[in-house]
Amino acid sequence: LGPAAQLRAHDIAVAADLPGVGQNLIDHPEVPITAYATG
């Protein structure tokens, strides 16, 4: 179940061609700000 071309590239029989499987990956990016303390 997934993008047919990608499945066939791995010799997986296609049960349903669903091009959106694995796409649209979203994540919250984070970046630190760091300081040393006076005490």
PDB file of all heavy atoms in Angstrom:
ATOM      1  N   LEU A   1       0.852  -1.181   0.000  1.00  0.00           N
ATOM      2  CA  LEU A   1       0.000   0.000   0.000  1.00  0.00           C
ATOM      3  C   LEU A   1       0.891   1.236   0.000  1.00  0.00           C
ATOM      4  O   LEU A   1       1.481   1.595   1.026  1.00  0.00           O
ATOM      5  CB  LEU A   1      -0.902   0.000   1.229  1.00  0.00           C
ATOM      6  CG  LEU A   1      -1.729  -1.279   1.447  1.00  0.00           C
ATOM      7  CD1 LEU A   1      -2.364  -1.280   2.825  1.00  0.00           C
ATOM      8  CD2 LEU A   1      -2.795  -1.410   0.361  1.00  0.00           C
ATOM      9  N   GLY A   2       1.008   1.894  -1.148  1.00  0.00           N
ATOM     10  CA  GLY A   2       1.893   3.042  -1.231  1.00  0.00           C
ATOM     11  C   GLY A   2       2.146   3.444  -2.662  1.00  0.00           C
ATOM     12  O   GLY A   2       1.448   3.003  -3.586  1.00  0.00           O
ATOM     13  N   PRO A   3       3.154   4.287  -2.888  1.00  0.00           N
ATOM     14  CA  PRO A   3       3.478   4.725  -4.253  1.00  0.00           C
ATOM     15  C   PRO A   3       3.920   3.530  -5.103  1.00  0.00           C
ATOM     16  O   PRO A   3       4.907   2.860  -4.780  1.00  0.00           O
ATOM     17  CB  PRO A   3       4.629   5.722  -4.043  1.00  0.00           C
ATOM     18  CG  PRO A   3       4.566   6.105  -2.595  1.00  0.00           C
ATOM     19  CD  PRO A   3       4.029   4.916  -1.882  1.00  0.00           C
ATOM     20  N   ALA A   4       3.202   3.273  -6.168  1.00  0.00           N
ATOM     21  CA  ALA A   4       3.412   2.049  -6.945  1.00  0.00           C
ATOM     22  C   ALA A   4       4.845   1.925  -7.446  1.00  0.00           C
ATOM     23  O   ALA A   4       5.445   0.844  -7.370  1.00  0.00           O
ATOM     24  CB  ALA A   4       2.434   2.001  -8.115  1.00  0.00           C
ATOM     25  N   ALA A   5       5.412   3.014  -7.949  1.00  0.00           N
ATOM     26  CA  ALA A   5       6.768   2.941  -8.503  1.00  0.00           C
ATOM     27  C   ALA A   5       7.772   2.562  -7.423  1.00  0.00           C
ATOM     28  O   ALA A   5       8.692   1.762  -7.663  1.00  0.00           O
ATOM     29  CB  ALA A   5       7.148   4.276  -9.141  1.00  0.00           C
ATOM     30  N   GLN A   6       7.611   3.124  -6.230  1.00  0.00           N
ATOM     31  CA  GLN A   6       8.536   2.805  -5.136  1.00  0.00           C
ATOM     32  C   GLN A   6       8.388   1.347  -4.701  1.00  0.00           C
ATOM     33  O   GLN A   6       9.384   0.658  -4.438  1.00  0.00           O
ATOM     34  CB  GLN A   6       8.289   3.738  -3.946  1.00  0.00           C
ATOM     35  CG  GLN A   6       9.334   3.570  -2.838  1.00  0.00           C
ATOM     36  CD  GLN A   6       9.094   4.470  -1.637  1.00  0.00           C
ATOM     37  OE1 GLN A   6       9.609   4.221  -0.555  1.00  0.00           O
ATOM     38  NE2 GLN A   6       8.308   5.521  -1.802  1.00  0.00           N
ATOM     39  N   LEU A   7       7.160   0.854  -4.644  1.00  0.00           N
ATOM     40  CA  LEU A   7       6.948  -0.539  -4.253  1.00  0.00           C
ATOM     41  C   LEU A   7       7.565  -1.493  -5.283  1.00  0.00           C
ATOM     42  O   LEU A   7       8.235  -2.457  -4.916  1.00  0.00           O
ATOM     43  CB  LEU A   7       5.446  -0.819  -4.111  1.00  0.00           C
ATOM     44  CG  LEU A   7       4.677   0.029  -3.089  1.00  0.00           C
ATOM     45  CD1 LEU A   7       3.233  -0.450  -2.988  1.00  0.00           C
ATOM     46  CD2 LEU A   7       5.348   0.013  -1.735  1.00  0.00           C
ATOM     47  N   ARG A   8       7.346  -1.207  -6.554  1.00  0.00           N
ATOM     48  CA  ARG A   8       7.877  -2.088  -7.596  1.00  0.00           C
ATOM     49  C   ARG A   8       9.407  -2.067  -7.594  1.00  0.00           C
ATOM     50  O   ARG A   8      10.042  -3.083  -7.897  1.00  0.00           O
ATOM     51  CB  ARG A   8       7.346  -1.667  -8.958  1.00  0.00           C
ATOM     52  CG  ARG A   8       5.834  -1.922  -9.115  1.00  0.00           C
ATOM     53  CD  ARG A   8       5.335  -1.605 -10.509  1.00  0.00           C
ATOM     54  NE  ARG A   8       3.898  -1.805 -10.610  1.00  0.00           N
ATOM     55  CZ  ARG A   8       3.021  -0.841 -10.857  1.00  0.00           C
ATOM     56  NH1 ARG A   8       3.441   0.416 -11.062  1.00  0.00           N
ATOM     57  NH2 ARG A   8       1.728  -1.112 -10.930  1.00  0.00           N
ATOM     58  N   ALA A   9       9.991  -0.932  -7.227  1.00  0.00           N
ATOM     59  CA  ALA A   9      11.456  -0.859  -7.165  1.00  0.00           C
ATOM     60  C   ALA A   9      12.019  -1.807  -6.121  1.00  0.00           C
ATOM     61  O   ALA A   9      13.187  -2.207  -6.196  1.00  0.00           O
ATOM     62  CB  ALA A   9      11.888   0.573  -6.867  1.00  0.00           C
ATOM     63  N   HIS A  10      11.190  -2.178  -5.134  1.00  0.00           N
ATOM     64  CA  HIS A  10      11.613  -3.118  -4.091  1.00  0.00           C
ATOM     65  C   HIS A  10      10.949  -4.482  -4.274  1.00  0.00           C
ATOM     66  O   HIS A  10      10.953  -5.299  -3.338  1.00  0.00           O
ATOM     67  CB  HIS A  10      11.281  -2.547  -2.709  1.00  0.00           C
ATOM     68  CG  HIS A  10      12.062  -1.317  -2.349  1.00  0.00           C
ATOM     69  ND1 HIS A  10      13.417  -1.344  -2.072  1.00  0.00           N
ATOM     70  CD2 HIS A  10      11.676  -0.013  -2.264  1.00  0.00           C
ATOM     71  CE1 HIS A  10      13.819  -0.119  -1.784  1.00  0.00           C
ATOM     72  NE2 HIS A  10      12.799   0.708  -1.904  1.00  0.00           N
ATOM     73  N   ASP A  11      10.402  -4.721  -5.463  1.00  0.00           N
ATOM     74  CA  ASP A  11       9.763  -6.002  -5.782  1.00  0.00           C
ATOM     75  C   ASP A  11       8.622  -6.334  -4.831  1.00  0.00           C
ATOM     76  O   ASP A  11       8.420  -7.492  -4.439  1.00  0.00           O
ATOM     77  CB  ASP A  11      10.793  -7.142  -5.787  1.00  0.00           C
ATOM     78  CG  ASP A  11      11.835  -6.979  -6.884  1.00  0.00           C
ATOM     79  OD1 ASP A  11      11.452  -6.531  -7.983  1.00  0.00           O
ATOM     80  OD2 ASP A  11      13.005  -7.282  -6.629  1.00  0.00           O
ATOM     81  N   ILE A  12       7.867  -5.327  -4.450  1.00  0.00           N
ATOM     82  CA  ILE A  12       6.684  -5.517  -3.601  1.00  0.00           C
ATOM     83  C   ILE A  12       5.448  -5.411  -4.481  1.00  0.00           C
ATOM     84  O   ILE A  12       5.269  -4.429  -5.205  1.00  0.00           O
ATOM     85  CB  ILE A  12       6.633  -4.459  -2.478  1.00  0.00           C
ATOM     86  CG1 ILE A  12       7.851  -4.601  -1.550  1.00  0.00           C
ATOM     87  CG2 ILE A  12       5.337  -4.588  -1.671  1.00  0.00           C
ATOM     88  CD1 ILE A  12       7.971  -3.474  -0.534  1.00  0.00           C
ATOM     89  N   ALA A  13       4.597  -6.417  -4.416  1.00  0.00           N
ATOM     90  CA  ALA A  13       3.367  -6.408  -5.208  1.00  0.00           C
ATOM     91  C   ALA A  13       2.456  -5.270  -4.749  1.00  0.00           C
ATOM     92  O   ALA A  13       2.268  -5.060  -3.542  1.00  0.00           O
ATOM     93  CB  ALA A  13       2.650  -7.743  -5.082  1.00  0.00           C
ATOM     94  N   VAL A  14       1.889  -4.553  -5.698  1.00  0.00           N
ATOM     95  CA  VAL A  14       1.066  -3.389  -5.388  1.00  0.00           C
ATOM     96  C   VAL A  14      -0.375  -3.827  -5.125  1.00  0.00           C
ATOM     97  O   VAL A  14      -1.052  -4.336  -6.015  1.00  0.00           O
ATOM     98  CB  VAL A  14       1.109  -2.356  -6.534  1.00  0.00           C
ATOM     99  CG1 VAL A  14       0.218  -1.157  -6.201  1.00  0.00           C
ATOM    100  CG2 VAL A  14       2.546  -1.910  -6.789  1.00  0.00           C
ATOM    101  N   ALA A  15      -0.834  -3.617  -3.885  1.00  0.00           N
ATOM    102  CA  ALA A  15      -2.234  -3.891  -3.550  1.00  0.00           C
ATOM    103  C   ALA A  15      -3.097  -2.653  -3.771  1.00  0.00           C
ATOM    104  O   ALA A  15      -4.270  -2.772  -4.125  1.00  0.00           O
ATOM    105  CB  ALA A  15      -2.344  -4.357  -2.092  1.00  0.00           C
ATOM    106  N   ALA A  16      -2.534  -1.481  -3.536  1.00  0.00           N
ATOM    107  CA  ALA A  16      -3.232  -0.216  -3.788  1.00  0.00           C
ATOM    108  C   ALA A  16      -2.186   0.861  -4.013  1.00  0.00           C
ATOM    109  O   ALA A  16      -1.269   1.024  -3.193  1.00  0.00           O
ATOM    110  CB  ALA A  16      -4.139   0.156  -2.623  1.00  0.00           C
ATOM    111  N   ASP A  17      -2.310   1.574  -5.132  1.00  0.00           N
ATOM    112  CA  ASP A  17      -1.383   2.663  -5.452  1.00  0.00           C
ATOM    113  C   ASP A  17      -1.814   3.910  -4.679  1.00  0.00           C
ATOM    114  O   ASP A  17      -2.797   4.566  -5.014  1.00  0.00           O
ATOM    115  CB  ASP A  17      -1.402   2.934  -6.958  1.00  0.00           C
ATOM    116  CG  ASP A  17      -0.424   4.046  -7.367  1.00  0.00           C
ATOM    117  OD1 ASP A  17       0.385   4.467  -6.515  1.00  0.00           O
ATOM    118  OD2 ASP A  17      -0.493   4.482  -8.536  1.00  0.00           O
ATOM    119  N   LEU A  18      -1.078   4.208  -3.603  1.00  0.00           N
ATOM    120  CA  LEU A  18      -1.386   5.347  -2.737  1.00  0.00           C
ATOM    121  C   LEU A  18      -0.160   6.254  -2.678  1.00  0.00           C
ATOM    122  O   LEU A  18       0.724   6.080  -1.837  1.00  0.00           O
ATOM    123  CB  LEU A  18      -1.759   4.863  -1.333  1.00  0.00           C
ATOM    124  CG  LEU A  18      -3.018   4.001  -1.224  1.00  0.00           C
ATOM    125  CD1 LEU A  18      -3.155   3.425   0.187  1.00  0.00           C
ATOM    126  CD2 LEU A  18      -4.255   4.812  -1.593  1.00  0.00           C
ATOM    127  N   PRO A  19      -0.056   7.220  -3.596  1.00  0.00           N
ATOM    128  CA  PRO A  19       1.165   8.023  -3.699  1.00  0.00           C
ATOM    129  C   PRO A  19       1.469   8.864  -2.465  1.00  0.00           C
ATOM    130  O   PRO A  19       2.604   9.299  -2.265  1.00  0.00           O
ATOM    131  CB  PRO A  19       0.905   8.914  -4.920  1.00  0.00           C
ATOM    132  CG  PRO A  19      -0.572   8.915  -5.103  1.00  0.00           C
ATOM    133  CD  PRO A  19      -1.044   7.574  -4.626  1.00  0.00           C
ATOM    134  N   GLY A  20       0.473   9.099  -1.591  1.00  0.00           N
ATOM    135  CA  GLY A  20       0.704   9.924  -0.413  1.00  0.00           C
ATOM    136  C   GLY A  20       1.370   9.214   0.743  1.00  0.00           C
ATOM    137  O   GLY A  20       1.799   9.864   1.715  1.00  0.00           O
ATOM    138  N   VAL A  21       1.485   7.888   0.681  1.00  0.00           N
ATOM    139  CA  VAL A  21       2.106   7.159   1.794  1.00  0.00           C
ATOM    140  C   VAL A  21       3.581   7.554   1.901  1.00  0.00           C
ATOM    141  O   VAL A  21       4.343   7.430   0.941  1.00  0.00           O
ATOM    142  CB  VAL A  21       1.964   5.637   1.612  1.00  0.00           C
ATOM    143  CG1 VAL A  21       2.780   4.894   2.674  1.00  0.00           C
ATOM    144  CG2 VAL A  21       0.504   5.225   1.689  1.00  0.00           C
ATOM    145  N   GLY A  22       3.979   8.030   3.061  1.00  0.00           N
ATOM    146  CA  GLY A  22       5.354   8.447   3.309  1.00  0.00           C
ATOM    147  C   GLY A  22       5.641   9.887   2.964  1.00  0.00           C
ATOM    148  O   GLY A  22       6.688  10.420   3.335  1.00  0.00           O
ATOM    149  N   GLN A  23       4.720  10.545   2.263  1.00  0.00           N
ATOM    150  CA  GLN A  23       4.903  11.962   1.936  1.00  0.00           C
ATOM    151  C   GLN A  23       4.308  12.835   3.047  1.00  0.00           C
ATOM    152  O   GLN A  23       3.703  12.353   3.988  1.00  0.00           O
ATOM    153  CB  GLN A  23       4.246  12.264   0.592  1.00  0.00           C
ATOM    154  CG  GLN A  23       4.835  11.465  -0.565  1.00  0.00           C
ATOM    155  CD  GLN A  23       6.328  11.689  -0.721  1.00  0.00           C
ATOM    156  OE1 GLN A  23       6.780  12.814  -0.953  1.00  0.00           O
ATOM    157  NE2 GLN A  23       7.097  10.616  -0.587  1.00  0.00           N
ATOM    158  N   ASN A  24       4.516  14.164   2.916  1.00  0.00           N
ATOM    159  CA  ASN A  24       3.916  15.120   3.862  1.00  0.00           C
ATOM    160  C   ASN A  24       4.461  14.972   5.283  1.00  0.00           C
ATOM    161  O   ASN A  24       3.781  15.298   6.250  1.00  0.00           O
ATOM    162  CB  ASN A  24       2.387  14.967   3.876  1.00  0.00           C
ATOM    163  CG  ASN A  24       1.687  16.112   4.594  1.00  0.00           C
ATOM    164  OD1 ASN A  24       1.938  17.271   4.304  1.00  0.00           O
ATOM    165  ND2 ASN A  24       0.819  15.791   5.540  1.00  0.00           N
ATOM    166  N   LEU A  25       5.707  14.489   5.426  1.00  0.00           N
ATOM    167  CA  LEU A  25       6.302  14.393   6.767  1.00  0.00           C
ATOM    168  C   LEU A  25       6.495  15.802   7.331  1.00  0.00           C
ATOM    169  O   LEU A  25       7.159  16.645   6.733  1.00  0.00           O
ATOM    170  CB  LEU A  25       7.641  13.662   6.702  1.00  0.00           C
ATOM    171  CG  LEU A  25       8.460  13.633   7.999  1.00  0.00           C
ATOM    172  CD1 LEU A  25       7.690  12.957   9.127  1.00  0.00           C
ATOM    173  CD2 LEU A  25       9.807  12.943   7.778  1.00  0.00           C
ATOM    174  N   ILE A  26       5.889  16.034   8.477  1.00  0.00           N
ATOM    175  CA  ILE A  26       5.974  17.327   9.165  1.00  0.00           C
ATOM    176  C   ILE A  26       6.554  17.081  10.557  1.00  0.00           C
ATOM    177  O   ILE A  26       6.216  16.097  11.215  1.00  0.00           O
ATOM    178  CB  ILE A  26       4.589  17.981   9.340  1.00  0.00           C
ATOM    179  CG1 ILE A  26       3.688  17.728   8.135  1.00  0.00           C
ATOM    180  CG2 ILE A  26       4.718  19.461   9.632  1.00  0.00           C
ATOM    181  CD1 ILE A  26       2.221  18.000   8.408  1.00  0.00           C
ATOM    182  N   ASP A  27       7.400  17.979  11.009  1.00  0.00           N
ATOM    183  CA  ASP A  27       7.902  17.888  12.377  1.00  0.00           C
ATOM    184  C   ASP A  27       8.174  19.304  12.866  1.00  0.00           C
ATOM    185  O   ASP A  27       8.421  20.219  12.073  1.00  0.00           O
ATOM    186  CB  ASP A  27       9.184  17.044  12.440  1.00  0.00           C
ATOM    187  CG  ASP A  27       9.511  16.555  13.836  1.00  0.00           C
ATOM    188  OD1 ASP A  27       8.802  16.922  14.800  1.00  0.00           O
ATOM    189  OD2 ASP A  27      10.501  15.807  13.986  1.00  0.00           O
ATOM    190  N   HIS A  28       8.120  19.472  14.166  1.00  0.00           N
ATOM    191  CA  HIS A  28       8.468  20.752  14.773  1.00  0.00           C
ATOM    192  C   HIS A  28       9.983  20.852  14.909  1.00  0.00           C
ATOM    193  O   HIS A  28      10.584  20.056  15.647  1.00  0.00           O
ATOM    194  CB  HIS A  28       7.845  20.867  16.166  1.00  0.00           C
ATOM    195  CG  HIS A  28       6.365  21.076  16.162  1.00  0.00           C
ATOM    196  ND1 HIS A  28       5.510  20.411  17.023  1.00  0.00           N
ATOM    197  CD2 HIS A  28       5.579  21.892  15.411  1.00  0.00           C
ATOM    198  CE1 HIS A  28       4.267  20.810  16.799  1.00  0.00           C
ATOM    199  NE2 HIS A  28       4.281  21.699  15.821  1.00  0.00           N
ATOM    200  N   PRO A  29      10.627  21.798  14.238  1.00  0.00           N
ATOM    201  CA  PRO A  29      12.070  21.971  14.432  1.00  0.00           C
ATOM    202  C   PRO A  29      12.352  22.772  15.700  1.00  0.00           C
ATOM    203  O   PRO A  29      11.615  23.718  16.029  1.00  0.00           O
ATOM    204  CB  PRO A  29      12.495  22.759  13.182  1.00  0.00           C
ATOM    205  CG  PRO A  29      11.282  23.561  12.833  1.00  0.00           C
ATOM    206  CD  PRO A  29      10.084  22.732  13.239  1.00  0.00           C
ATOM    207  N   GLU A  30      13.392  22.391  16.405  1.00  0.00           N
ATOM    208  CA  GLU A  30      13.799  23.157  17.584  1.00  0.00           C
ATOM    209  C   GLU A  30      15.277  23.502  17.488  1.00  0.00           C
ATOM    210  O   GLU A  30      16.070  22.766  16.899  1.00  0.00           O
ATOM    211  CB  GLU A  30      13.523  22.410  18.886  1.00  0.00           C
ATOM    212  CG  GLU A  30      14.445  21.247  19.180  1.00  0.00           C
ATOM    213  CD  GLU A  30      14.320  20.752  20.619  1.00  0.00           C
ATOM    214  OE1 GLU A  30      13.192  20.590  21.109  1.00  0.00           O
ATOM    215  OE2 GLU A  30      15.367  20.500  21.247  1.00  0.00           O
ATOM    216  N   VAL A  31      15.648  24.628  18.088  1.00  0.00           N
ATOM    217  CA  VAL A  31      17.031  25.102  18.129  1.00  0.00           C
ATOM    218  C   VAL A  31      17.290  25.638  19.534  1.00  0.00           C
ATOM    219  O   VAL A  31      16.475  26.398  20.065  1.00  0.00           O
ATOM    220  CB  VAL A  31      17.295  26.198  17.077  1.00  0.00           C
ATOM    221  CG1 VAL A  31      18.728  26.738  17.207  1.00  0.00           C
ATOM    222  CG2 VAL A  31      17.070  25.665  15.663  1.00  0.00           C
ATOM    223  N   PRO A  32      18.419  25.277  20.164  1.00  0.00           N
ATOM    224  CA  PRO A  32      18.673  25.729  21.538  1.00  0.00           C
ATOM    225  C   PRO A  32      19.349  27.095  21.611  1.00  0.00           C
ATOM    226  O   PRO A  32      20.071  27.513  20.703  1.00  0.00           O
ATOM    227  CB  PRO A  32      19.621  24.648  22.064  1.00  0.00           C
ATOM    228  CG  PRO A  32      20.416  24.250  20.847  1.00  0.00           C
ATOM    229  CD  PRO A  32      19.445  24.334  19.691  1.00  0.00           C
ATOM    230  N   ILE A  33      19.106  27.774  22.721  1.00  0.00           N
ATOM    231  CA  ILE A  33      19.892  28.926  23.165  1.00  0.00           C
ATOM    232  C   ILE A  33      20.380  28.556  24.557  1.00  0.00           C
ATOM    233  O   ILE A  33      19.574  28.182  25.416  1.00  0.00           O
ATOM    234  CB  ILE A  33      19.065  30.211  23.244  1.00  0.00           C
ATOM    235  CG1 ILE A  33      18.293  30.458  21.946  1.00  0.00           C
ATOM    236  CG2 ILE A  33      19.951  31.405  23.569  1.00  0.00           C
ATOM    237  CD1 ILE A  33      17.299  31.608  22.050  1.00  0.00           C
ATOM    238  N   THR A  34      21.668  28.646  24.789  1.00  0.00           N
ATOM    239  CA  THR A  34      22.225  28.158  26.057  1.00  0.00           C
ATOM    240  C   THR A  34      23.142  29.199  26.685  1.00  0.00           C
ATOM    241  O   THR A  34      23.933  29.848  25.986  1.00  0.00           O
ATOM    242  CB  THR A  34      23.006  26.853  25.842  1.00  0.00           C
ATOM    243  OG1 THR A  34      22.133  25.877  25.251  1.00  0.00           O
ATOM    244  CG2 THR A  34      23.527  26.297  27.159  1.00  0.00           C
ATOM    245  N   ALA A  35      23.019  29.328  28.012  1.00  0.00           N
ATOM    246  CA  ALA A  35      23.862  30.267  28.754  1.00  0.00           C
ATOM    247  C   ALA A  35      24.356  29.608  30.035  1.00  0.00           C
ATOM    248  O   ALA A  35      23.663  28.762  30.615  1.00  0.00           O
ATOM    249  CB  ALA A  35      23.090  31.534  29.089  1.00  0.00           C
ATOM    250  N   TYR A  36      25.540  30.017  30.472  1.00  0.00           N
ATOM    251  CA  TYR A  36      26.029  29.615  31.788  1.00  0.00           C
ATOM    252  C   TYR A  36      25.490  30.582  32.835  1.00  0.00           C
ATOM    253  O   TYR A  36      25.236  31.756  32.560  1.00  0.00           O
ATOM    254  CB  TYR A  36      27.556  29.613  31.822  1.00  0.00           C
ATOM    255  CG  TYR A  36      28.181  28.592  30.902  1.00  0.00           C
ATOM    256  CD1 TYR A  36      29.184  28.967  30.009  1.00  0.00           C
ATOM    257  CD2 TYR A  36      27.767  27.271  30.922  1.00  0.00           C
ATOM    258  CE1 TYR A  36      29.757  28.039  29.162  1.00  0.00           C
ATOM    259  CE2 TYR A  36      28.330  26.333  30.077  1.00  0.00           C
ATOM    260  CZ  TYR A  36      29.330  26.724  29.193  1.00  0.00           C
ATOM    261  OH  TYR A  36      29.878  25.798  28.350  1.00  0.00           O
ATOM    262  N   ALA A  37      25.297  30.076  34.057  1.00  0.00           N
ATOM    263  CA  ALA A  37      24.721  30.869  35.137  1.00  0.00           C
ATOM    264  C   ALA A  37      25.802  31.521  35.982  1.00  0.00           C
ATOM    265  O   ALA A  37      26.968  31.093  35.997  1.00  0.00           O
ATOM    266  CB  ALA A  37      23.839  29.987  36.015  1.00  0.00           C
ATOM    267  N   THR A  38      25.401  32.565  36.704  1.00  0.00           N
ATOM    268  CA  THR A  38      26.334  33.259  37.596  1.00  0.00           C
ATOM    269  C   THR A  38      26.456  32.561  38.947  1.00  0.00           C
ATOM    270  O   THR A  38      27.334  32.905  39.743  1.00  0.00           O
ATOM    271  CB  THR A  38      25.861  34.699  37.834  1.00  0.00           C
ATOM    272  OG1 THR A  38      24.531  34.669  38.372  1.00  0.00           O
ATOM    273  CG2 THR A  38      25.865  35.503  36.536  1.00  0.00           C
ATOM    274  N   GLY A  39      25.586  31.625  39.228  1.00  0.00           N
ATOM    275  CA  GLY A  39      25.626  30.927  40.510  1.00  0.00           C
ATOM    276  C   GLY A  39      25.127  29.500  40.371  1.00  0.00           C
ATOM    277  O   GLY A  39      24.941  28.991  39.257  1.00  0.00           O
TER     278      GLY A  39
END
